[in-house]
PDB file of N, CA and C in Angstrom:
ATOM      1  N   UNK A   1      49.628  26.779   4.483  1.00  0.00           N
ATOM      2  CA  UNK A   1      48.565  27.299   3.656  1.00  0.00           C
ATOM      3  C   UNK A   1      48.078  26.248   2.644  1.00  0.00           C
ATOM      4  N   UNK A   2      49.003  25.448   2.141  1.00  0.00           N
ATOM      5  CA  UNK A   2      48.635  24.418   1.171  1.00  0.00           C
ATOM      6  C   UNK A   2      47.756  23.354   1.838  1.00  0.00           C
ATOM      7  N   UNK A   3      48.075  23.028   3.089  1.00  0.00           N
ATOM      8  CA  UNK A   3      47.267  22.045   3.813  1.00  0.00           C
ATOM      9  C   UNK A   3      45.852  22.563   4.029  1.00  0.00           C
ATOM     10  N   UNK A   4      45.738  23.844   4.381  1.00  0.00           N
ATOM     11  CA  UNK A   4      44.429  24.456   4.583  1.00  0.00           C
ATOM     12  C   UNK A   4      43.606  24.389   3.297  1.00  0.00           C
ATOM     13  N   UNK A   5      44.181  24.737   2.176  1.00  0.00           N
ATOM     14  CA  UNK A   5      43.468  24.719   0.904  1.00  0.00           C
ATOM     15  C   UNK A   5      43.055  23.296   0.501  1.00  0.00           C
ATOM     16  N   UNK A   6      43.909  22.325   0.791  1.00  0.00           N
ATOM     17  CA  UNK A   6      43.594  20.935   0.483  1.00  0.00           C
ATOM     18  C   UNK A   6      42.407  20.449   1.321  1.00  0.00           C
ATOM     19  N   UNK A   7      42.448  20.744   2.618  1.00  0.00           N
ATOM     20  CA  UNK A   7      41.350  20.342   3.510  1.00  0.00           C
ATOM     21  C   UNK A   7      40.064  21.082   3.130  1.00  0.00           C
ATOM     22  N   UNK A   8      40.175  22.382   2.851  1.00  0.00           N
ATOM     23  CA  UNK A   8      39.002  23.178   2.471  1.00  0.00           C
ATOM     24  C   UNK A   8      38.386  22.656   1.175  1.00  0.00           C
ATOM     25  N   UNK A   9      39.199  22.378   0.183  1.00  0.00           N
ATOM     26  CA  UNK A   9      38.706  21.875  -1.098  1.00  0.00           C
ATOM     27  C   UNK A   9      38.061  20.498  -0.928  1.00  0.00           C
ATOM     28  N   UNK A  10      38.648  19.639  -0.112  1.00  0.00           N
ATOM     29  CA  UNK A  10      38.086  18.312   0.136  1.00  0.00           C
ATOM     30  C   UNK A  10      36.725  18.422   0.826  1.00  0.00           C
ATOM     31  N   UNK A  11      36.638  19.272   1.823  1.00  0.00           N
ATOM     32  CA  UNK A  11      35.368  19.468   2.537  1.00  0.00           C
ATOM     33  C   UNK A  11      34.303  20.046   1.610  1.00  0.00           C
ATOM     34  N   UNK A  12      34.676  21.018   0.791  1.00  0.00           N
ATOM     35  CA  UNK A  12      33.722  21.607  -0.148  1.00  0.00           C
ATOM     36  C   UNK A  12      33.257  20.575  -1.172  1.00  0.00           C
ATOM     37  N   UNK A  13      34.147  19.712  -1.614  1.00  0.00           N
ATOM     38  CA  UNK A  13      33.793  18.660  -2.553  1.00  0.00           C
ATOM     39  C   UNK A  13      32.807  17.674  -1.923  1.00  0.00           C
ATOM     40  N   UNK A  14      33.051  17.300  -0.690  1.00  0.00           N
ATOM     41  CA  UNK A  14      32.155  16.367   0.017  1.00  0.00           C
ATOM     42  C   UNK A  14      30.795  17.017   0.263  1.00  0.00           C
ATOM     43  N   UNK A  15      30.778  18.241   0.804  1.00  0.00           N
ATOM     44  CA  UNK A  15      29.511  18.927   1.071  1.00  0.00           C
ATOM     45  C   UNK A  15      28.750  19.199  -0.223  1.00  0.00           C
ATOM     46  N   UNK A  16      29.454  19.591  -1.263  1.00  0.00           N
ATOM     47  CA  UNK A  16      28.812  19.830  -2.561  1.00  0.00           C
ATOM     48  C   UNK A  16      28.227  18.551  -3.137  1.00  0.00           C
ATOM     49  N   UNK A  17      28.946  17.442  -3.005  1.00  0.00           N
ATOM     50  CA  UNK A  17      28.436  16.155  -3.490  1.00  0.00           C
ATOM     51  C   UNK A  17      27.197  15.724  -2.743  1.00  0.00           C
ATOM     52  N   UNK A  18      27.204  15.876  -1.433  1.00  0.00           N
ATOM     53  CA  UNK A  18      26.035  15.510  -0.626  1.00  0.00           C
ATOM     54  C   UNK A  18      24.851  16.402  -0.988  1.00  0.00           C
ATOM     55  N   UNK A  19      25.094  17.709  -1.141  1.00  0.00           N
ATOM     56  CA  UNK A  19      24.017  18.635  -1.514  1.00  0.00           C
ATOM     57  C   UNK A  19      23.457  18.286  -2.891  1.00  0.00           C
ATOM     58  N   UNK A  20      24.312  17.931  -3.827  1.00  0.00           N
ATOM     59  CA  UNK A  20      23.875  17.560  -5.168  1.00  0.00           C
ATOM     60  C   UNK A  20      23.019  16.289  -5.147  1.00  0.00           C
ATOM     61  N   UNK A  21      23.448  15.308  -4.375  1.00  0.00           N
ATOM     62  CA  UNK A  21      22.673  14.066  -4.254  1.00  0.00           C
ATOM     63  C   UNK A  21      21.310  14.349  -3.636  1.00  0.00           C
ATOM     64  N   UNK A  22      21.259  15.183  -2.604  1.00  0.00           N
ATOM     65  CA  UNK A  22      19.985  15.500  -1.957  1.00  0.00           C
ATOM     66  C   UNK A  22      19.054  16.274  -2.883  1.00  0.00           C
ATOM     67  N   UNK A  23      19.620  17.122  -3.722  1.00  0.00           N
ATOM     68  CA  UNK A  23      18.795  17.892  -4.651  1.00  0.00           C
ATOM     69  C   UNK A  23      18.259  17.049  -5.801  1.00  0.00           C
ATOM     70  N   UNK A  24      18.987  16.033  -6.211  1.00  0.00           N
ATOM     71  CA  UNK A  24      18.602  15.248  -7.375  1.00  0.00           C
ATOM     72  C   UNK A  24      17.748  14.030  -7.054  1.00  0.00           C
ATOM     73  N   UNK A  25      17.706  13.605  -5.808  1.00  0.00           N
ATOM     74  CA  UNK A  25      16.898  12.432  -5.456  1.00  0.00           C
ATOM     75  C   UNK A  25      15.494  12.875  -5.076  1.00  0.00           C
ATOM     76  N   UNK A  26      14.537  11.993  -5.345  1.00  0.00           N
ATOM     77  CA  UNK A  26      13.145  12.274  -5.016  1.00  0.00           C
ATOM     78  C   UNK A  26      12.742  11.501  -3.774  1.00  0.00           C
ATOM     79  N   UNK A  27      11.678  11.934  -3.174  1.00  0.00           N
ATOM     80  CA  UNK A  27      11.127  11.235  -2.026  1.00  0.00           C
ATOM     81  C   UNK A  27      10.494   9.938  -2.508  1.00  0.00           C
ATOM     82  N   UNK A  28      10.810   8.814  -1.875  1.00  0.00           N
ATOM     83  CA  UNK A  28      10.186   7.561  -2.312  1.00  0.00           C
ATOM     84  C   UNK A  28       8.688   7.588  -2.033  1.00  0.00           C
ATOM     85  N   UNK A  29       7.942   7.022  -2.937  1.00  0.00           N
ATOM     86  CA  UNK A  29       6.494   6.989  -2.812  1.00  0.00           C
ATOM     87  C   UNK A  29       6.021   5.542  -2.867  1.00  0.00           C
ATOM     88  N   UNK A  30       5.033   5.237  -2.048  1.00  0.00           N
ATOM     89  CA  UNK A  30       4.420   3.911  -2.066  1.00  0.00           C
ATOM     90  C   UNK A  30       3.220   3.981  -2.987  1.00  0.00           C
ATOM     91  N   UNK A  31       3.164   3.085  -3.939  1.00  0.00           N
ATOM     92  CA  UNK A  31       2.062   3.063  -4.895  1.00  0.00           C
ATOM     93  C   UNK A  31       1.338   1.729  -4.766  1.00  0.00           C
ATOM     94  N   UNK A  32       0.116   1.777  -4.287  1.00  0.00           N
ATOM     95  CA  UNK A  32      -0.679   0.572  -4.112  1.00  0.00           C
ATOM     96  C   UNK A  32      -1.143   0.068  -5.466  1.00  0.00           C
ATOM     97  N   UNK A  33      -0.840  -1.174  -5.747  1.00  0.00           N
ATOM     98  CA  UNK A  33      -1.251  -1.819  -6.999  1.00  0.00           C
ATOM     99  C   UNK A  33      -2.393  -2.792  -6.697  1.00  0.00           C
ATOM    100  N   UNK A  34      -3.130  -3.216  -7.719  1.00  0.00           N
ATOM    101  CA  UNK A  34      -4.232  -4.162  -7.478  1.00  0.00           C
ATOM    102  C   UNK A  34      -3.771  -5.447  -6.791  1.00  0.00           C
ATOM    103  N   UNK A  35      -2.551  -5.879  -7.093  1.00  0.00           N
ATOM    104  CA  UNK A  35      -2.032  -7.105  -6.475  1.00  0.00           C
ATOM    105  C   UNK A  35      -1.894  -6.952  -4.961  1.00  0.00           C
ATOM    106  N   UNK A  36      -1.572  -5.749  -4.483  1.00  0.00           N
ATOM    107  CA  UNK A  36      -1.482  -5.518  -3.036  1.00  0.00           C
ATOM    108  C   UNK A  36      -2.848  -5.691  -2.379  1.00  0.00           C
ATOM    109  N   UNK A  37      -3.871  -5.085  -2.992  1.00  0.00           N
ATOM    110  CA  UNK A  37      -5.218  -5.217  -2.432  1.00  0.00           C
ATOM    111  C   UNK A  37      -5.695  -6.662  -2.493  1.00  0.00           C
ATOM    112  N   UNK A  38      -5.442  -7.338  -3.607  1.00  0.00           N
ATOM    113  CA  UNK A  38      -5.869  -8.734  -3.738  1.00  0.00           C
ATOM    114  C   UNK A  38      -5.192  -9.616  -2.691  1.00  0.00           C
ATOM    115  N   UNK A  39      -3.903  -9.378  -2.447  1.00  0.00           N
ATOM    116  CA  UNK A  39      -3.177 -10.176  -1.450  1.00  0.00           C
ATOM    117  C   UNK A  39      -3.759  -9.958  -0.048  1.00  0.00           C
ATOM    118  N   UNK A  40      -4.060  -8.712   0.288  1.00  0.00           N
ATOM    119  CA  UNK A  40      -4.633  -8.434   1.616  1.00  0.00           C
ATOM    120  C   UNK A  40      -6.036  -9.012   1.719  1.00  0.00           C
ATOM    121  N   UNK A  41      -6.818  -8.930   0.636  1.00  0.00           N
ATOM    122  CA  UNK A  41      -8.166  -9.510   0.659  1.00  0.00           C
ATOM    123  C   UNK A  41      -8.086 -11.029   0.831  1.00  0.00           C
ATOM    124  N   UNK A  42      -7.148 -11.676   0.117  1.00  0.00           N
ATOM    125  CA  UNK A  42      -6.986 -13.126   0.258  1.00  0.00           C
ATOM    126  C   UNK A  42      -6.617 -13.505   1.689  1.00  0.00           C
ATOM    127  N   UNK A  43      -5.682 -12.753   2.262  1.00  0.00           N
ATOM    128  CA  UNK A  43      -5.283 -13.040   3.649  1.00  0.00           C
ATOM    129  C   UNK A  43      -6.451 -12.821   4.611  1.00  0.00           C
ATOM    130  N   UNK A  44      -7.238 -11.787   4.372  1.00  0.00           N
ATOM    131  CA  UNK A  44      -8.385 -11.517   5.252  1.00  0.00           C
ATOM    132  C   UNK A  44      -9.423 -12.633   5.136  1.00  0.00           C
ATOM    133  N   UNK A  45      -9.635 -13.128   3.926  1.00  0.00           N
ATOM    134  CA  UNK A  45     -10.607 -14.207   3.748  1.00  0.00           C
ATOM    135  C   UNK A  45     -10.118 -15.526   4.338  1.00  0.00           C
ATOM    136  N   UNK A  46      -8.785 -15.721   4.401  1.00  0.00           N
ATOM    137  CA  UNK A  46      -8.205 -16.931   4.987  1.00  0.00           C
ATOM    138  C   UNK A  46      -7.868 -16.767   6.464  1.00  0.00           C
ATOM    139  N   UNK A  47      -8.232 -15.627   7.050  1.00  0.00           N
ATOM    140  CA  UNK A  47      -7.940 -15.314   8.460  1.00  0.00           C
ATOM    141  C   UNK A  47      -6.447 -15.315   8.763  1.00  0.00           C
ATOM    142  N   UNK A  48      -5.650 -14.846   7.827  1.00  0.00           N
ATOM    143  CA  UNK A  48      -4.206 -14.786   8.033  1.00  0.00           C
ATOM    144  C   UNK A  48      -3.678 -13.351   8.101  1.00  0.00           C
ATOM    145  N   UNK A  49      -4.534 -12.370   7.980  1.00  0.00           N
ATOM    146  CA  UNK A  49      -4.087 -10.975   7.969  1.00  0.00           C
ATOM    147  C   UNK A  49      -4.097 -10.431   9.397  1.00  0.00           C
ATOM    148  N   UNK A  50      -3.122  -9.593   9.683  1.00  0.00           N
ATOM    149  CA  UNK A  50      -3.126  -8.908  10.977  1.00  0.00           C
ATOM    150  C   UNK A  50      -3.857  -7.578  10.811  1.00  0.00           C
ATOM    151  N   UNK A  51      -4.347  -7.062  11.902  1.00  0.00           N
ATOM    152  CA  UNK A  51      -5.033  -5.774  11.821  1.00  0.00           C
ATOM    153  C   UNK A  51      -4.090  -4.676  11.371  1.00  0.00           C
ATOM    154  N   UNK A  52      -2.835  -4.783  11.749  1.00  0.00           N
ATOM    155  CA  UNK A  52      -1.857  -3.783  11.339  1.00  0.00           C
ATOM    156  C   UNK A  52      -1.670  -3.796   9.830  1.00  0.00           C
ATOM    157  N   UNK A  53      -1.534  -4.975   9.246  1.00  0.00           N
ATOM    158  CA  UNK A  53      -1.377  -5.080   7.800  1.00  0.00           C
ATOM    159  C   UNK A  53      -2.633  -4.580   7.087  1.00  0.00           C
ATOM    160  N   UNK A  54      -3.800  -4.970   7.579  1.00  0.00           N
ATOM    161  CA  UNK A  54      -5.059  -4.533   6.985  1.00  0.00           C
ATOM    162  C   UNK A  54      -5.148  -3.006   7.013  1.00  0.00           C
ATOM    163  N   UNK A  55      -4.906  -2.429   8.175  1.00  0.00           N
ATOM    164  CA  UNK A  55      -5.012  -0.972   8.312  1.00  0.00           C
ATOM    165  C   UNK A  55      -3.958  -0.238   7.490  1.00  0.00           C
ATOM    166  N   UNK A  56      -2.766  -0.819   7.371  1.00  0.00           N
ATOM    167  CA  UNK A  56      -1.713  -0.171   6.595  1.00  0.00           C
ATOM    168  C   UNK A  56      -2.113  -0.047   5.138  1.00  0.00           C
ATOM    169  N   UNK A  57      -2.659  -1.091   4.575  1.00  0.00           N
ATOM    170  CA  UNK A  57      -3.027  -1.068   3.154  1.00  0.00           C
ATOM    171  C   UNK A  57      -4.347  -0.337   2.944  1.00  0.00           C
ATOM    172  N   UNK A  58      -5.327  -0.595   3.768  1.00  0.00           N
ATOM    173  CA  UNK A  58      -6.671  -0.064   3.544  1.00  0.00           C
ATOM    174  C   UNK A  58      -6.784   1.406   3.939  1.00  0.00           C
ATOM    175  N   UNK A  59      -6.024   1.866   4.890  1.00  0.00           N
ATOM    176  CA  UNK A  59      -6.125   3.267   5.312  1.00  0.00           C
ATOM    177  C   UNK A  59      -5.248   4.215   4.493  1.00  0.00           C
ATOM    178  N   UNK A  60      -4.425   3.682   3.582  1.00  0.00           N
ATOM    179  CA  UNK A  60      -3.544   4.529   2.772  1.00  0.00           C
ATOM    180  C   UNK A  60      -4.280   4.921   1.494  1.00  0.00           C
ATOM    181  N   UNK A  61      -4.505   6.224   1.253  1.00  0.00           N
ATOM    182  CA  UNK A  61      -5.281   6.623   0.070  1.00  0.00           C
ATOM    183  C   UNK A  61      -4.573   6.277  -1.236  1.00  0.00           C
ATOM    184  N   UNK A  62      -5.362   5.942  -2.254  1.00  0.00           N
ATOM    185  CA  UNK A  62      -4.844   5.609  -3.577  1.00  0.00           C
ATOM    186  C   UNK A  62      -5.211   6.766  -4.500  1.00  0.00           C
ATOM    187  N   UNK A  63      -4.226   7.525  -4.903  1.00  0.00           N
ATOM    188  CA  UNK A  63      -4.501   8.731  -5.678  1.00  0.00           C
ATOM    189  C   UNK A  63      -4.334   8.539  -7.181  1.00  0.00           C
ATOM    190  N   UNK A  64      -3.730   7.455  -7.614  1.00  0.00           N
ATOM    191  CA  UNK A  64      -3.434   7.293  -9.037  1.00  0.00           C
ATOM    192  C   UNK A  64      -4.513   6.531  -9.801  1.00  0.00           C
ATOM    193  N   UNK A  65      -5.471   5.936  -9.093  1.00  0.00           N
ATOM    194  CA  UNK A  65      -6.512   5.148  -9.763  1.00  0.00           C
ATOM    195  C   UNK A  65      -7.815   5.291  -8.984  1.00  0.00           C
ATOM    196  N   UNK A  66      -8.779   5.941  -9.594  1.00  0.00           N
ATOM    197  CA  UNK A  66     -10.052   6.217  -8.916  1.00  0.00           C
ATOM    198  C   UNK A  66     -10.816   4.938  -8.603  1.00  0.00           C
ATOM    199  N   UNK A  67     -10.779   3.968  -9.502  1.00  0.00           N
ATOM    200  CA  UNK A  67     -11.470   2.707  -9.261  1.00  0.00           C
ATOM    201  C   UNK A  67     -10.902   1.996  -8.035  1.00  0.00           C
ATOM    202  N   UNK A  68      -9.569   1.904  -7.963  1.00  0.00           N
ATOM    203  CA  UNK A  68      -8.949   1.241  -6.807  1.00  0.00           C
ATOM    204  C   UNK A  68      -9.211   2.014  -5.521  1.00  0.00           C
ATOM    205  N   UNK A  69      -9.279   3.336  -5.600  1.00  0.00           N
ATOM    206  CA  UNK A  69      -9.621   4.133  -4.422  1.00  0.00           C
ATOM    207  C   UNK A  69     -11.025   3.792  -3.947  1.00  0.00           C
ATOM    208  N   UNK A  70     -11.955   3.599  -4.881  1.00  0.00           N
ATOM    209  CA  UNK A  70     -13.316   3.214  -4.504  1.00  0.00           C
ATOM    210  C   UNK A  70     -13.347   1.817  -3.884  1.00  0.00           C
ATOM    211  N   UNK A  71     -12.538   0.886  -4.405  1.00  0.00           N
ATOM    212  CA  UNK A  71     -12.445  -0.455  -3.823  1.00  0.00           C
ATOM    213  C   UNK A  71     -11.880  -0.367  -2.414  1.00  0.00           C
ATOM    214  N   UNK A  72     -10.856   0.455  -2.237  1.00  0.00           N
ATOM    215  CA  UNK A  72     -10.249   0.633  -0.908  1.00  0.00           C
ATOM    216  C   UNK A  72     -11.265   1.213   0.071  1.00  0.00           C
ATOM    217  N   UNK A  73     -12.015   2.212  -0.381  1.00  0.00           N
ATOM    218  CA  UNK A  73     -13.033   2.813   0.487  1.00  0.00           C
ATOM    219  C   UNK A  73     -14.125   1.805   0.844  1.00  0.00           C
ATOM    220  N   UNK A  74     -14.501   0.979  -0.124  1.00  0.00           N
ATOM    221  CA  UNK A  74     -15.518  -0.038   0.147  1.00  0.00           C
ATOM    222  C   UNK A  74     -15.007  -1.056   1.169  1.00  0.00           C
ATOM    223  N   UNK A  75     -13.736  -1.447   1.043  1.00  0.00           N
ATOM    224  CA  UNK A  75     -13.153  -2.380   2.010  1.00  0.00           C
ATOM    225  C   UNK A  75     -13.095  -1.748   3.401  1.00  0.00           C
ATOM    226  N   UNK A  76     -12.785  -0.474   3.446  1.00  0.00           N
ATOM    227  CA  UNK A  76     -12.750   0.221   4.737  1.00  0.00           C
ATOM    228  C   UNK A  76     -14.152   0.297   5.341  1.00  0.00           C
ATOM    229  N   UNK A  77     -15.141   0.545   4.487  1.00  0.00           N
ATOM    230  CA  UNK A  77     -16.523   0.583   4.957  1.00  0.00           C
ATOM    231  C   UNK A  77     -16.972  -0.793   5.452  1.00  0.00           C
ATOM    232  N   UNK A  78     -16.528  -1.857   4.763  1.00  0.00           N
ATOM    233  CA  UNK A  78     -16.832  -3.208   5.225  1.00  0.00           C
ATOM    234  C   UNK A  78     -16.288  -3.441   6.627  1.00  0.00           C
ATOM    235  N   UNK A  79     -15.076  -2.968   6.869  1.00  0.00           N
ATOM    236  CA  UNK A  79     -14.479  -3.124   8.200  1.00  0.00           C
ATOM    237  C   UNK A  79     -15.276  -2.339   9.236  1.00  0.00           C
ATOM    238  N   UNK A  80     -15.726  -1.146   8.864  1.00  0.00           N
ATOM    239  CA  UNK A  80     -16.514  -0.339   9.798  1.00  0.00           C
ATOM    240  C   UNK A  80     -17.878  -0.964  10.094  1.00  0.00           C
ATOM    241  N   UNK A  81     -18.481  -1.592   9.069  1.00  0.00           N
ATOM    242  CA  UNK A  81     -19.819  -2.159   9.247  1.00  0.00           C
ATOM    243  C   UNK A  81     -19.811  -3.575   9.808  1.00  0.00           C
ATOM    244  N   UNK A  82     -18.834  -4.392   9.392  1.00  0.00           N
ATOM    245  CA  UNK A  82     -18.886  -5.824   9.715  1.00  0.00           C
ATOM    246  C   UNK A  82     -17.680  -6.335  10.496  1.00  0.00           C
ATOM    247  N   UNK A  83     -16.781  -5.473  10.859  1.00  0.00           N
ATOM    248  CA  UNK A  83     -15.603  -5.917  11.590  1.00  0.00           C
ATOM    249  C   UNK A  83     -15.466  -5.183  12.904  1.00  0.00           C
ATOM    250  N   UNK A  84     -14.735  -5.779  13.801  1.00  0.00           N
ATOM    251  CA  UNK A  84     -14.476  -5.153  15.082  1.00  0.00           C
ATOM    252  C   UNK A  84     -12.988  -5.201  15.328  1.00  0.00           C
ATOM    253  N   UNK A  85     -12.465  -4.081  15.750  1.00  0.00           N
ATOM    254  CA  UNK A  85     -11.044  -4.046  16.070  1.00  0.00           C
ATOM    255  C   UNK A  85     -10.797  -4.903  17.314  1.00  0.00           C
ATOM    256  N   UNK A  86      -9.744  -5.660  17.267  1.00  0.00           N
ATOM    257  CA  UNK A  86      -9.406  -6.524  18.385  1.00  0.00           C
ATOM    258  C   UNK A  86      -9.971  -7.927  18.267  1.00  0.00           C
ATOM    259  N   UNK A  87     -10.718  -8.213  17.208  1.00  0.00           N
ATOM    260  CA  UNK A  87     -11.275  -9.562  17.042  1.00  0.00           C
ATOM    261  C   UNK A  87     -10.174 -10.586  16.821  1.00  0.00           C
ATOM    262  N   UNK A  88      -9.154 -10.203  16.062  1.00  0.00           N
ATOM    263  CA  UNK A  88      -8.081 -11.160  15.761  1.00  0.00           C
ATOM    264  C   UNK A  88      -7.331 -11.575  17.019  1.00  0.00           C
ATOM    265  N   UNK A  89      -7.173 -10.663  17.946  1.00  0.00           N
ATOM    266  CA  UNK A  89      -6.455 -11.009  19.172  1.00  0.00           C
ATOM    267  C   UNK A  89      -7.248 -11.989  20.031  1.00  0.00           C
ATOM    268  N   UNK A  90      -8.559 -12.042  19.813  1.00  0.00           N
ATOM    269  CA  UNK A  90      -9.398 -12.991  20.546  1.00  0.00           C
ATOM    270  C   UNK A  90      -9.597 -14.284  19.762  1.00  0.00           C
ATOM    271  N   UNK A  91      -8.912 -14.405  18.619  1.00  0.00           N
ATOM    272  CA  UNK A  91      -8.996 -15.624  17.833  1.00  0.00           C
ATOM    273  C   UNK A  91     -10.176 -15.680  16.875  1.00  0.00           C
ATOM    274  N   UNK A  92     -10.826 -14.556  16.651  1.00  0.00           N
ATOM    275  CA  UNK A  92     -11.976 -14.521  15.746  1.00  0.00           C
ATOM    276  C   UNK A  92     -11.537 -13.911  14.413  1.00  0.00           C
ATOM    277  N   UNK A  93     -12.290 -14.157  13.334  1.00  0.00           N
ATOM    278  CA  UNK A  93     -11.948 -13.555  12.044  1.00  0.00           C
ATOM    279  C   UNK A  93     -12.116 -12.038  12.072  1.00  0.00           C
ATOM    280  N   UNK A  94     -11.451 -11.380  11.121  1.00  0.00           N
ATOM    281  CA  UNK A  94     -11.482  -9.920  11.043  1.00  0.00           C
ATOM    282  C   UNK A  94     -12.887  -9.404  10.767  1.00  0.00           C
ATOM    283  N   UNK A  95     -13.625 -10.114   9.907  1.00  0.00           N
ATOM    284  CA  UNK A  95     -14.979  -9.705   9.516  1.00  0.00           C
ATOM    285  C   UNK A  95     -15.977 -10.793   9.869  1.00  0.00           C
ATOM    286  N   UNK A  96     -17.237 -10.396  10.071  1.00  0.00           N
ATOM    287  CA  UNK A  96     -18.263 -11.409  10.288  1.00  0.00           C
ATOM    288  C   UNK A  96     -18.611 -12.070   8.948  1.00  0.00           C
ATOM    289  N   UNK A  97     -19.555 -13.010   8.948  1.00  0.00           N
ATOM    290  CA  UNK A  97     -19.863 -13.797   7.740  1.00  0.00           C
ATOM    291  C   UNK A  97     -20.357 -12.916   6.590  1.00  0.00           C
ATOM    292  N   UNK A  98     -21.235 -11.976   6.885  1.00  0.00           N
ATOM    293  CA  UNK A  98     -21.736 -11.088   5.829  1.00  0.00           C
ATOM    294  C   UNK A  98     -20.611 -10.234   5.258  1.00  0.00           C
ATOM    295  N   UNK A  99     -19.748  -9.743   6.116  1.00  0.00           N
ATOM    296  CA  UNK A  99     -18.608  -8.951   5.659  1.00  0.00           C
ATOM    297  C   UNK A  99     -17.642  -9.766   4.822  1.00  0.00           C
ATOM    298  N   UNK A 100     -17.425 -11.017   5.220  1.00  0.00           N
ATOM    299  CA  UNK A 100     -16.539 -11.896   4.446  1.00  0.00           C
ATOM    300  C   UNK A 100     -17.115 -12.184   3.062  1.00  0.00           C
ATOM    301  N   UNK A 101     -18.431 -12.384   2.968  1.00  0.00           N
ATOM    302  CA  UNK A 101     -19.034 -12.646   1.653  1.00  0.00           C
ATOM    303  C   UNK A 101     -18.959 -11.396   0.772  1.00  0.00           C
ATOM    304  N   UNK A 102     -19.171 -10.221   1.348  1.00  0.00           N
ATOM    305  CA  UNK A 102     -19.056  -8.990   0.574  1.00  0.00           C
ATOM    306  C   UNK A 102     -17.608  -8.732   0.155  1.00  0.00           C
ATOM    307  N   UNK A 103     -16.666  -9.043   1.042  1.00  0.00           N
ATOM    308  CA  UNK A 103     -15.253  -8.886   0.692  1.00  0.00           C
ATOM    309  C   UNK A 103     -14.860  -9.867  -0.410  1.00  0.00           C
ATOM    310  N   UNK A 104     -15.397 -11.074  -0.376  1.00  0.00           N
ATOM    311  CA  UNK A 104     -15.107 -12.047  -1.439  1.00  0.00           C
ATOM    312  C   UNK A 104     -15.642 -11.552  -2.778  1.00  0.00           C
ATOM    313  N   UNK A 105     -16.828 -10.958  -2.773  1.00  0.00           N
ATOM    314  CA  UNK A 105     -17.384 -10.411  -4.012  1.00  0.00           C
ATOM    315  C   UNK A 105     -16.559  -9.231  -4.505  1.00  0.00           C
ATOM    316  N   UNK A 106     -16.125  -8.387  -3.589  1.00  0.00           N
ATOM    317  CA  UNK A 106     -15.280  -7.250  -3.951  1.00  0.00           C
ATOM    318  C   UNK A 106     -13.950  -7.718  -4.507  1.00  0.00           C
ATOM    319  N   UNK A 107     -13.374  -8.754  -3.906  1.00  0.00           N
ATOM    320  CA  UNK A 107     -12.113  -9.307  -4.369  1.00  0.00           C
ATOM    321  C   UNK A 107     -12.265  -9.915  -5.759  1.00  0.00           C
ATOM    322  N   UNK A 108     -13.356 -10.634  -5.975  1.00  0.00           N
ATOM    323  CA  UNK A 108     -13.615 -11.256  -7.268  1.00  0.00           C
ATOM    324  C   UNK A 108     -13.782 -10.186  -8.357  1.00  0.00           C
ATOM    325  N   UNK A 109     -14.471  -9.115  -8.042  1.00  0.00           N
ATOM    326  CA  UNK A 109     -14.677  -8.035  -9.004  1.00  0.00           C
ATOM    327  C   UNK A 109     -13.350  -7.345  -9.336  1.00  0.00           C
ATOM    328  N   UNK A 110     -12.526  -7.072  -8.332  1.00  0.00           N
ATOM    329  CA  UNK A 110     -11.218  -6.447  -8.570  1.00  0.00           C
ATOM    330  C   UNK A 110     -10.312  -7.365  -9.382  1.00  0.00           C
ATOM    331  N   UNK A 111     -10.340  -8.658  -9.090  1.00  0.00           N
ATOM    332  CA  UNK A 111      -9.509  -9.606  -9.840  1.00  0.00           C
ATOM    333  C   UNK A 111      -9.943  -9.677 -11.299  1.00  0.00           C
ATOM    334  N   UNK A 112     -11.250  -9.689 -11.541  1.00  0.00           N
ATOM    335  CA  UNK A 112     -11.755  -9.742 -12.914  1.00  0.00           C
ATOM    336  C   UNK A 112     -11.380  -8.476 -13.674  1.00  0.00           C
ATOM    337  N   UNK A 113     -11.505  -7.327 -13.031  1.00  0.00           N
ATOM    338  CA  UNK A 113     -11.146  -6.068 -13.693  1.00  0.00           C
ATOM    339  C   UNK A 113      -9.650  -6.005 -13.974  1.00  0.00           C
ATOM    340  N   UNK A 114      -8.842  -6.457 -13.042  1.00  0.00           N
ATOM    341  CA  UNK A 114      -7.391  -6.455 -13.231  1.00  0.00           C
ATOM    342  C   UNK A 114      -7.007  -7.387 -14.374  1.00  0.00           C
ATOM    343  N   UNK A 115      -7.620  -8.555 -14.421  1.00  0.00           N
ATOM    344  CA  UNK A 115      -7.347  -9.509 -15.496  1.00  0.00           C
ATOM    345  C   UNK A 115      -7.768  -8.935 -16.852  1.00  0.00           C
ATOM    346  N   UNK A 116      -8.932  -8.305 -16.916  1.00  0.00           N
ATOM    347  CA  UNK A 116      -9.425  -7.702 -18.147  1.00  0.00           C
ATOM    348  C   UNK A 116      -8.512  -6.566 -18.605  1.00  0.00           C
ATOM    349  N   UNK A 117      -8.085  -5.757 -17.670  1.00  0.00           N
ATOM    350  CA  UNK A 117      -7.188  -4.634 -17.999  1.00  0.00           C
ATOM    351  C   UNK A 117      -5.843  -5.152 -18.504  1.00  0.00           C
ATOM    352  N   UNK A 118      -5.315  -6.177 -17.858  1.00  0.00           N
ATOM    353  CA  UNK A 118      -4.027  -6.747 -18.278  1.00  0.00           C
ATOM    354  C   UNK A 118      -4.139  -7.395 -19.662  1.00  0.00           C
ATOM    355  N   UNK A 119      -5.256  -8.090 -19.915  1.00  0.00           N
ATOM    356  CA  UNK A 119      -5.453  -8.728 -21.214  1.00  0.00           C
ATOM    357  C   UNK A 119      -5.604  -7.707 -22.329  1.00  0.00           C
ATOM    358  N   UNK A 120      -6.257  -6.593 -22.043  1.00  0.00           N
ATOM    359  CA  UNK A 120      -6.436  -5.568 -23.075  1.00  0.00           C
ATOM    360  C   UNK A 120      -5.124  -4.849 -23.381  1.00  0.00           C
ATOM    361  N   UNK A 121      -4.217  -4.798 -22.416  1.00  0.00           N
ATOM    362  CA  UNK A 121      -2.907  -4.160 -22.650  1.00  0.00           C
ATOM    363  C   UNK A 121      -1.972  -5.056 -23.442  1.00  0.00           C
ATOM    364  N   UNK A 122      -2.149  -6.360 -23.368  1.00  0.00           N
ATOM    365  CA  UNK A 122      -1.261  -7.287 -24.088  1.00  0.00           C
ATOM    366  C   UNK A 122      -1.679  -7.472 -25.539  1.00  0.00           C
ATOM    367  N   UNK A 123      -2.873  -7.081 -25.884  1.00  0.00           N
ATOM    368  CA  UNK A 123      -3.341  -7.239 -27.273  1.00  0.00           C
ATOM    369  C   UNK A 123      -2.796  -6.189 -28.160  1.00  0.00           C
TER     370      UNK A 123
END
């Protein structure tokens, strides 16, 4: 009987610990920051981004910052208007020349806003 109680108590302790850990932990969330978008834009402008990486960052909605969500939507629209899926596999850039110039302007605007926001927080 003592062995049964020892095994039962040990099992209950393990199951209770696992249940407690599962109840107290949160689901991990991915939060897109301006640096993520800038890095993907830089890679796209240098023809170093894969379509998978582009789609992973650009197709994931940004719910914590309306401005960045608008930038993401604009980048997605650029891909729809000036890019073709499968271009990279044929050795061509992700976007055509007009799309690349618009993406460069979008990247420059996001970088300036990020720099301005960071400078205003340090003052």
